[in-house]
Structure formats: structure tokens, C-alpha cells
N, C-alpha and C. Protein backbone atom coordinates (compact mmCIF):
# COMPACT_ATOMS: atom_id res chain seq x y z
N MET A 1 -21.09 23.43 -11.19
CA MET A 1 -21.49 22.69 -10.02
C MET A 1 -21.48 21.20 -10.35
N PRO A 2 -20.78 20.38 -9.58
CA PRO A 2 -20.74 18.95 -9.88
C PRO A 2 -22.08 18.29 -9.56
N ASN A 3 -22.31 17.17 -10.22
CA ASN A 3 -23.52 16.40 -9.99
C ASN A 3 -23.35 15.66 -8.66
N LEU A 4 -24.13 16.07 -7.65
CA LEU A 4 -23.96 15.52 -6.30
C LEU A 4 -24.54 14.12 -6.16
N LYS A 5 -25.39 13.70 -7.09
CA LYS A 5 -25.95 12.36 -6.97
C LYS A 5 -24.87 11.29 -7.09
N PHE A 6 -23.92 11.49 -7.97
CA PHE A 6 -22.87 10.50 -8.16
C PHE A 6 -21.58 10.88 -7.47
N GLY A 7 -21.53 12.03 -6.83
CA GLY A 7 -20.35 12.43 -6.08
C GLY A 7 -19.31 13.08 -6.97
N ILE A 8 -18.34 13.66 -6.34
CA ILE A 8 -17.25 14.27 -7.07
C ILE A 8 -16.02 13.42 -6.89
N ARG A 9 -15.10 13.54 -7.80
CA ARG A 9 -13.90 12.70 -7.74
C ARG A 9 -12.67 13.57 -7.50
N ASN A 10 -12.65 14.26 -6.37
CA ASN A 10 -11.49 15.07 -6.08
C ASN A 10 -10.82 14.71 -4.76
N GLY A 11 -11.36 13.74 -4.05
CA GLY A 11 -10.78 13.36 -2.77
C GLY A 11 -9.65 12.35 -2.95
N PRO A 12 -9.03 11.96 -1.86
CA PRO A 12 -7.95 10.97 -1.97
C PRO A 12 -8.51 9.61 -2.38
N LYS A 13 -7.76 8.88 -3.18
CA LYS A 13 -8.20 7.55 -3.62
C LYS A 13 -8.03 6.58 -2.46
N ILE A 14 -9.08 5.84 -2.16
CA ILE A 14 -9.01 4.82 -1.12
C ILE A 14 -9.55 3.52 -1.69
N GLY A 15 -9.42 2.45 -0.95
CA GLY A 15 -9.69 1.13 -1.48
C GLY A 15 -11.11 0.65 -1.46
N PHE A 16 -12.09 1.49 -1.75
CA PHE A 16 -13.47 1.03 -1.87
C PHE A 16 -13.80 0.84 -3.35
N PRO A 17 -14.02 -0.38 -3.81
CA PRO A 17 -14.40 -0.55 -5.22
C PRO A 17 -15.79 0.01 -5.45
N ASN A 18 -16.08 0.42 -6.68
CA ASN A 18 -17.36 1.06 -6.93
C ASN A 18 -18.45 0.09 -7.33
N PHE A 19 -18.20 -1.19 -7.45
CA PHE A 19 -19.16 -2.24 -7.73
C PHE A 19 -19.98 -1.98 -9.00
N LYS A 20 -19.46 -1.25 -9.94
CA LYS A 20 -20.19 -0.99 -11.17
C LYS A 20 -19.59 -1.77 -12.33
N GLY A 21 -18.81 -2.77 -12.06
CA GLY A 21 -18.22 -3.58 -13.11
C GLY A 21 -16.80 -3.20 -13.45
N SER A 22 -16.38 -2.01 -13.06
CA SER A 22 -15.00 -1.62 -13.36
C SER A 22 -14.15 -1.84 -12.12
N HIS A 23 -12.87 -1.74 -12.30
CA HIS A 23 -11.96 -1.95 -11.18
C HIS A 23 -11.39 -0.64 -10.66
N SER A 24 -12.00 0.48 -11.04
CA SER A 24 -11.52 1.75 -10.52
C SER A 24 -12.00 1.91 -9.09
N PHE A 25 -11.41 2.83 -8.39
CA PHE A 25 -11.77 3.05 -7.01
C PHE A 25 -12.45 4.41 -6.87
N VAL A 26 -13.46 4.47 -6.03
CA VAL A 26 -14.13 5.73 -5.79
C VAL A 26 -13.34 6.51 -4.77
N THR A 27 -13.61 7.78 -4.69
CA THR A 27 -12.90 8.62 -3.73
C THR A 27 -13.60 8.58 -2.39
N LYS A 28 -12.91 9.04 -1.37
CA LYS A 28 -13.47 9.04 -0.03
C LYS A 28 -14.69 9.96 0.03
N THR A 29 -14.62 11.11 -0.64
CA THR A 29 -15.76 12.03 -0.61
C THR A 29 -16.97 11.42 -1.29
N GLU A 30 -16.77 10.72 -2.38
CA GLU A 30 -17.91 10.12 -3.07
C GLU A 30 -18.53 9.01 -2.23
N ARG A 31 -17.71 8.20 -1.61
CA ARG A 31 -18.21 7.05 -0.86
C ARG A 31 -18.97 7.48 0.39
N ILE A 32 -18.47 8.48 1.10
CA ILE A 32 -19.04 8.80 2.40
C ILE A 32 -20.10 9.90 2.32
N GLN A 33 -19.83 11.00 1.64
CA GLN A 33 -20.71 12.15 1.72
C GLN A 33 -21.88 12.10 0.75
N PHE A 34 -21.74 11.50 -0.41
CA PHE A 34 -22.74 11.69 -1.43
C PHE A 34 -23.58 10.44 -1.71
N ALA A 35 -23.58 9.48 -0.79
CA ALA A 35 -24.51 8.37 -0.93
C ALA A 35 -25.89 8.86 -0.51
N PRO A 36 -26.93 8.62 -1.30
CA PRO A 36 -28.27 9.12 -0.96
C PRO A 36 -28.74 8.55 0.37
N ARG A 37 -29.38 9.38 1.16
CA ARG A 37 -29.89 8.92 2.45
C ARG A 37 -31.10 8.02 2.26
N GLY A 38 -31.13 6.94 3.03
CA GLY A 38 -32.28 6.07 3.02
C GLY A 38 -32.36 5.12 1.85
N GLU A 39 -31.46 5.22 0.91
CA GLU A 39 -31.48 4.28 -0.20
C GLU A 39 -30.06 3.82 -0.49
N ASN A 40 -29.95 2.62 -0.97
CA ASN A 40 -28.65 2.04 -1.26
C ASN A 40 -28.36 2.21 -2.74
N ARG A 41 -27.17 2.73 -3.05
CA ARG A 41 -26.82 2.93 -4.45
C ARG A 41 -26.52 1.63 -5.16
N TYR A 42 -26.19 0.59 -4.40
CA TYR A 42 -25.78 -0.66 -5.01
C TYR A 42 -26.83 -1.72 -4.77
N ASN A 43 -27.05 -2.54 -5.73
CA ASN A 43 -27.98 -3.65 -5.60
C ASN A 43 -27.26 -4.79 -4.89
N GLU A 44 -27.76 -5.15 -3.71
CA GLU A 44 -27.09 -6.20 -2.94
C GLU A 44 -27.05 -7.53 -3.67
N GLN A 45 -28.09 -7.82 -4.45
CA GLN A 45 -28.13 -9.09 -5.15
C GLN A 45 -27.02 -9.21 -6.18
N GLU A 46 -26.63 -8.10 -6.79
CA GLU A 46 -25.53 -8.14 -7.74
C GLU A 46 -24.21 -8.43 -7.05
N ILE A 47 -24.10 -8.02 -5.79
CA ILE A 47 -22.86 -8.20 -5.04
C ILE A 47 -22.83 -9.58 -4.38
N ILE A 48 -23.96 -9.99 -3.78
CA ILE A 48 -23.99 -11.20 -2.98
C ILE A 48 -24.20 -12.46 -3.83
N ALA A 49 -24.96 -12.35 -4.92
CA ALA A 49 -25.28 -13.53 -5.73
C ALA A 49 -24.05 -14.29 -6.22
N PRO A 50 -22.99 -13.62 -6.72
CA PRO A 50 -21.81 -14.39 -7.13
C PRO A 50 -21.15 -15.12 -5.98
N LEU A 51 -21.20 -14.53 -4.77
CA LEU A 51 -20.59 -15.18 -3.62
C LEU A 51 -21.37 -16.44 -3.24
N ILE A 52 -22.69 -16.37 -3.31
CA ILE A 52 -23.51 -17.54 -3.00
C ILE A 52 -23.34 -18.60 -4.08
N LYS A 53 -23.27 -18.15 -5.32
CA LYS A 53 -23.12 -19.09 -6.43
C LYS A 53 -21.81 -19.86 -6.34
N GLU A 54 -20.73 -19.14 -6.06
CA GLU A 54 -19.42 -19.79 -5.95
C GLU A 54 -19.32 -20.60 -4.67
N GLY A 55 -20.02 -20.19 -3.64
CA GLY A 55 -19.91 -20.85 -2.35
C GLY A 55 -18.71 -20.31 -1.59
N THR A 56 -18.75 -20.46 -0.31
CA THR A 56 -17.61 -20.01 0.48
C THR A 56 -16.53 -21.07 0.41
N ARG A 57 -15.33 -20.64 0.37
CA ARG A 57 -14.21 -21.56 0.21
C ARG A 57 -13.44 -21.71 1.52
N VAL A 58 -14.16 -21.81 2.62
CA VAL A 58 -13.52 -22.01 3.92
C VAL A 58 -12.86 -23.38 3.96
N ASP A 59 -13.42 -24.35 3.24
CA ASP A 59 -12.82 -25.68 3.23
C ASP A 59 -11.41 -25.64 2.67
N ASN A 60 -11.17 -24.77 1.70
CA ASN A 60 -9.80 -24.64 1.17
C ASN A 60 -8.85 -24.05 2.21
N MET A 61 -9.35 -23.18 3.07
CA MET A 61 -8.50 -22.61 4.12
C MET A 61 -8.11 -23.69 5.14
N TYR A 62 -9.03 -24.61 5.41
CA TYR A 62 -8.69 -25.70 6.33
C TYR A 62 -7.65 -26.63 5.70
N LYS A 63 -7.76 -26.85 4.40
CA LYS A 63 -6.74 -27.65 3.72
C LYS A 63 -5.39 -26.94 3.76
N LEU A 64 -5.42 -25.61 3.62
CA LEU A 64 -4.18 -24.83 3.69
C LEU A 64 -3.58 -24.90 5.10
N MET A 65 -4.43 -24.81 6.13
CA MET A 65 -3.91 -24.94 7.50
C MET A 65 -3.34 -26.34 7.72
N GLY A 66 -3.96 -27.35 7.12
CA GLY A 66 -3.42 -28.70 7.20
C GLY A 66 -2.06 -28.80 6.54
N PHE A 67 -1.90 -28.12 5.40
CA PHE A 67 -0.60 -28.11 4.73
C PHE A 67 0.47 -27.50 5.62
N TRP A 68 0.18 -26.33 6.20
CA TRP A 68 1.20 -25.65 7.01
C TRP A 68 1.48 -26.38 8.32
N THR A 69 0.47 -26.98 8.93
CA THR A 69 0.77 -27.76 10.14
C THR A 69 1.58 -28.99 9.77
N GLY A 70 1.39 -29.53 8.56
CA GLY A 70 2.24 -30.63 8.08
C GLY A 70 3.68 -30.19 7.91
N ILE A 71 3.89 -28.99 7.38
CA ILE A 71 5.25 -28.44 7.26
C ILE A 71 5.88 -28.29 8.64
N PHE A 72 5.11 -27.78 9.60
CA PHE A 72 5.63 -27.65 10.97
C PHE A 72 5.96 -29.01 11.56
N ALA A 73 5.13 -30.02 11.29
CA ALA A 73 5.39 -31.37 11.80
C ALA A 73 6.71 -31.90 11.27
N VAL A 74 6.96 -31.69 9.99
CA VAL A 74 8.24 -32.14 9.40
C VAL A 74 9.41 -31.40 10.03
N MET A 75 9.27 -30.09 10.19
CA MET A 75 10.37 -29.30 10.77
C MET A 75 10.64 -29.71 12.22
N PHE A 76 9.58 -29.93 12.99
CA PHE A 76 9.78 -30.38 14.37
C PHE A 76 10.46 -31.75 14.40
N TYR A 77 10.07 -32.63 13.48
CA TYR A 77 10.67 -33.96 13.42
C TYR A 77 12.16 -33.87 13.07
N VAL A 78 12.48 -33.04 12.09
CA VAL A 78 13.89 -32.87 11.69
C VAL A 78 14.69 -32.26 12.84
N GLY A 79 14.05 -31.40 13.63
CA GLY A 79 14.74 -30.78 14.77
C GLY A 79 14.82 -31.68 15.98
N GLY A 80 14.29 -32.88 15.90
CA GLY A 80 14.40 -33.82 17.02
C GLY A 80 13.35 -33.60 18.10
N MET A 81 12.32 -32.84 17.83
CA MET A 81 11.27 -32.59 18.82
C MET A 81 10.06 -33.46 18.47
N MET A 82 9.99 -34.64 19.07
CA MET A 82 8.97 -35.61 18.70
C MET A 82 7.57 -35.23 19.19
N THR A 83 7.44 -34.69 20.40
CA THR A 83 6.12 -34.36 20.92
C THR A 83 5.43 -33.27 20.10
N PRO A 84 6.10 -32.13 19.83
CA PRO A 84 5.44 -31.14 18.97
C PRO A 84 5.18 -31.67 17.56
N SER A 85 6.08 -32.54 17.08
CA SER A 85 5.88 -33.12 15.76
C SER A 85 4.60 -33.95 15.71
N LEU A 86 4.37 -34.75 16.74
CA LEU A 86 3.16 -35.56 16.78
C LEU A 86 1.91 -34.71 16.95
N LEU A 87 2.01 -33.63 17.74
CA LEU A 87 0.87 -32.71 17.88
C LEU A 87 0.53 -32.06 16.54
N MET A 88 1.55 -31.62 15.82
CA MET A 88 1.32 -30.99 14.52
C MET A 88 0.79 -32.01 13.50
N LEU A 89 1.25 -33.25 13.60
CA LEU A 89 0.75 -34.29 12.71
C LEU A 89 -0.74 -34.56 12.97
N ALA A 90 -1.12 -34.56 14.25
CA ALA A 90 -2.53 -34.73 14.60
C ALA A 90 -3.36 -33.54 14.09
N SER A 91 -2.82 -32.33 14.23
CA SER A 91 -3.51 -31.15 13.72
C SER A 91 -3.64 -31.20 12.20
N THR A 92 -2.61 -31.70 11.54
CA THR A 92 -2.66 -31.83 10.08
C THR A 92 -3.81 -32.75 9.67
N GLY A 93 -3.89 -33.92 10.30
CA GLY A 93 -4.98 -34.84 10.00
C GLY A 93 -6.34 -34.23 10.28
N PHE A 94 -6.45 -33.51 11.40
CA PHE A 94 -7.70 -32.86 11.79
C PHE A 94 -8.12 -31.84 10.73
N PHE A 95 -7.20 -30.96 10.32
CA PHE A 95 -7.54 -29.92 9.36
C PHE A 95 -7.84 -30.48 7.97
N ILE A 96 -7.07 -31.46 7.54
CA ILE A 96 -7.32 -32.06 6.22
C ILE A 96 -8.68 -32.77 6.21
N LEU A 97 -8.99 -33.48 7.28
CA LEU A 97 -10.28 -34.15 7.38
C LEU A 97 -11.42 -33.13 7.32
N LEU A 98 -11.30 -32.05 8.09
CA LEU A 98 -12.34 -31.02 8.07
C LEU A 98 -12.44 -30.34 6.71
N GLY A 99 -11.32 -30.21 6.01
CA GLY A 99 -11.33 -29.57 4.70
C GLY A 99 -12.15 -30.32 3.68
N TYR A 100 -12.26 -31.63 3.83
CA TYR A 100 -13.02 -32.43 2.87
C TYR A 100 -14.44 -32.74 3.32
N MET A 101 -14.88 -32.17 4.45
CA MET A 101 -16.22 -32.48 4.95
C MET A 101 -17.31 -31.58 4.36
N ASN A 102 -16.95 -30.48 3.69
CA ASN A 102 -17.90 -29.56 3.06
C ASN A 102 -19.01 -29.12 4.01
N LEU A 103 -18.61 -28.59 5.14
CA LEU A 103 -19.57 -28.07 6.11
C LEU A 103 -19.96 -26.64 5.72
N THR A 104 -20.90 -26.07 6.44
CA THR A 104 -21.27 -24.68 6.20
C THR A 104 -20.18 -23.77 6.77
N GLU A 105 -20.18 -22.53 6.31
CA GLU A 105 -19.17 -21.58 6.79
C GLU A 105 -19.33 -21.35 8.29
N ARG A 106 -20.56 -21.30 8.76
CA ARG A 106 -20.80 -21.09 10.19
C ARG A 106 -20.23 -22.24 11.01
N MET A 107 -20.41 -23.46 10.54
CA MET A 107 -19.90 -24.62 11.26
C MET A 107 -18.37 -24.60 11.29
N TYR A 108 -17.77 -24.23 10.16
CA TYR A 108 -16.32 -24.11 10.13
C TYR A 108 -15.82 -23.08 11.15
N MET A 109 -16.54 -21.97 11.29
CA MET A 109 -16.13 -20.94 12.26
C MET A 109 -16.30 -21.44 13.69
N TYR A 110 -17.39 -22.17 13.96
CA TYR A 110 -17.56 -22.74 15.30
C TYR A 110 -16.43 -23.72 15.63
N ILE A 111 -16.07 -24.55 14.67
CA ILE A 111 -15.00 -25.53 14.89
C ILE A 111 -13.67 -24.83 15.11
N LEU A 112 -13.40 -23.78 14.33
CA LEU A 112 -12.15 -23.03 14.51
C LEU A 112 -12.11 -22.38 15.89
N GLY A 113 -13.23 -21.80 16.31
CA GLY A 113 -13.27 -21.20 17.65
C GLY A 113 -13.03 -22.22 18.74
N ALA A 114 -13.63 -23.39 18.62
CA ALA A 114 -13.42 -24.44 19.62
C ALA A 114 -11.98 -24.92 19.62
N TYR A 115 -11.40 -25.06 18.42
CA TYR A 115 -10.01 -25.50 18.31
C TYR A 115 -9.08 -24.48 18.97
N LEU A 116 -9.29 -23.21 18.70
CA LEU A 116 -8.45 -22.17 19.29
C LEU A 116 -8.61 -22.11 20.81
N MET A 117 -9.83 -22.32 21.29
CA MET A 117 -10.06 -22.32 22.73
C MET A 117 -9.30 -23.47 23.40
N VAL A 118 -9.41 -24.65 22.85
CA VAL A 118 -8.70 -25.81 23.41
C VAL A 118 -7.19 -25.58 23.35
N PHE A 119 -6.71 -25.02 22.24
CA PHE A 119 -5.28 -24.74 22.12
C PHE A 119 -4.82 -23.76 23.19
N MET A 120 -5.56 -22.67 23.37
CA MET A 120 -5.12 -21.65 24.34
C MET A 120 -5.17 -22.18 25.77
N VAL A 121 -6.17 -22.98 26.09
CA VAL A 121 -6.23 -23.55 27.44
C VAL A 121 -5.06 -24.52 27.64
N GLY A 122 -4.80 -25.38 26.66
CA GLY A 122 -3.69 -26.32 26.77
C GLY A 122 -2.34 -25.62 26.81
N PHE A 123 -2.17 -24.61 25.98
CA PHE A 123 -0.90 -23.87 25.95
C PHE A 123 -0.68 -23.12 27.27
N SER A 124 -1.73 -22.52 27.80
CA SER A 124 -1.61 -21.80 29.08
C SER A 124 -1.28 -22.77 30.21
N TYR A 125 -1.91 -23.93 30.21
CA TYR A 125 -1.61 -24.93 31.24
C TYR A 125 -0.16 -25.38 31.13
N TYR A 126 0.29 -25.65 29.91
CA TYR A 126 1.66 -26.10 29.71
C TYR A 126 2.67 -25.05 30.16
N THR A 127 2.46 -23.80 29.75
CA THR A 127 3.44 -22.76 30.09
C THR A 127 3.45 -22.44 31.57
N ASN A 128 2.33 -22.61 32.27
CA ASN A 128 2.30 -22.27 33.69
C ASN A 128 2.70 -23.42 34.61
N PHE A 129 2.38 -24.64 34.24
CA PHE A 129 2.56 -25.75 35.19
C PHE A 129 3.58 -26.82 34.75
N ILE A 130 3.93 -26.90 33.49
CA ILE A 130 4.82 -27.98 33.03
C ILE A 130 6.17 -27.44 32.59
N HIS A 131 6.16 -26.38 31.79
CA HIS A 131 7.40 -25.87 31.20
C HIS A 131 8.33 -25.32 32.28
N VAL A 132 9.62 -25.69 32.18
CA VAL A 132 10.65 -25.18 33.08
C VAL A 132 11.45 -24.14 32.31
N PRO A 133 11.35 -22.85 32.71
CA PRO A 133 12.07 -21.82 31.95
C PRO A 133 13.58 -22.05 31.98
N GLY A 134 14.20 -21.90 30.85
CA GLY A 134 15.64 -22.02 30.73
C GLY A 134 16.18 -23.43 30.81
N ALA A 135 15.34 -24.42 30.68
CA ALA A 135 15.79 -25.80 30.79
C ALA A 135 16.03 -26.37 29.38
N GLY A 136 16.98 -25.81 28.67
CA GLY A 136 17.30 -26.30 27.34
C GLY A 136 18.18 -27.53 27.40
N HIS A 137 18.54 -28.06 26.24
CA HIS A 137 19.39 -29.25 26.19
C HIS A 137 20.83 -28.89 26.45
């Protein structure tokens, strides 16, 4: 009879790490069926403390978005599209500036949500009222 406290390892391997210091993966049966009821097998402080210590790296993601919008700005400029190039250049400056402000993760998420909302409203307005379908050069 297998020891049910730690589960059995006969199910399909799935991507849940076991948080015990090794990089092996637990099985689906061990993860779902044999976790003790009412108690957590893992100490949250061992899992969360390194994340708090390192800090969230959302600022690096904003710098990365600034890099890619800069690439788009260059490509639009090379393609002769000045308006999208200037919009992407403004977005590049916006993202790079935010990347160096060291805000909290929550503030970064609020700013991203506001940015996406403004983008979708502007894009919807442009596609419905300004853009002429099939009017290429």
C-alpha cells in the first residue's frame, strides 16, 4: 500500500513543481488527490519570500515594450508611414519613462489597463470613422 500522505507517483507528469527544492515534477494524482484537507503542504513563506526579496520586475517589461515599440517606429519610418512612426515613437518614450520610474506592480497594471483602454477607444474610432477601406497608395 503506498503512503497516501505524500501521494503516489503513477499518474501522468504535468507541470506542477513540487516546491521542495528539486526541479522534478509531481504527478497529477499526487497534486490533486492526496493533498491533506484543511492544511497546506507547502510553506507559503518559502515560496513568496524570494519573490518579495527580488521584487517584481514589471519595470523590465515596460522597458521591453519600449524596445519593441521603438523597433516598430523604425520599421514604420522605413516604410514611409510617418504618422504610425510618430505614434510608436511616443509610445516608446512613454514605456521607457515608465520603466525607470520604479512604481509598484499594482500601479504598473493600472497604467497598462489605462493605456490599453485609450488605445482601443482610439483604434475603434479610427477604424469606424476615419479609415477608408481599400484606399491604398
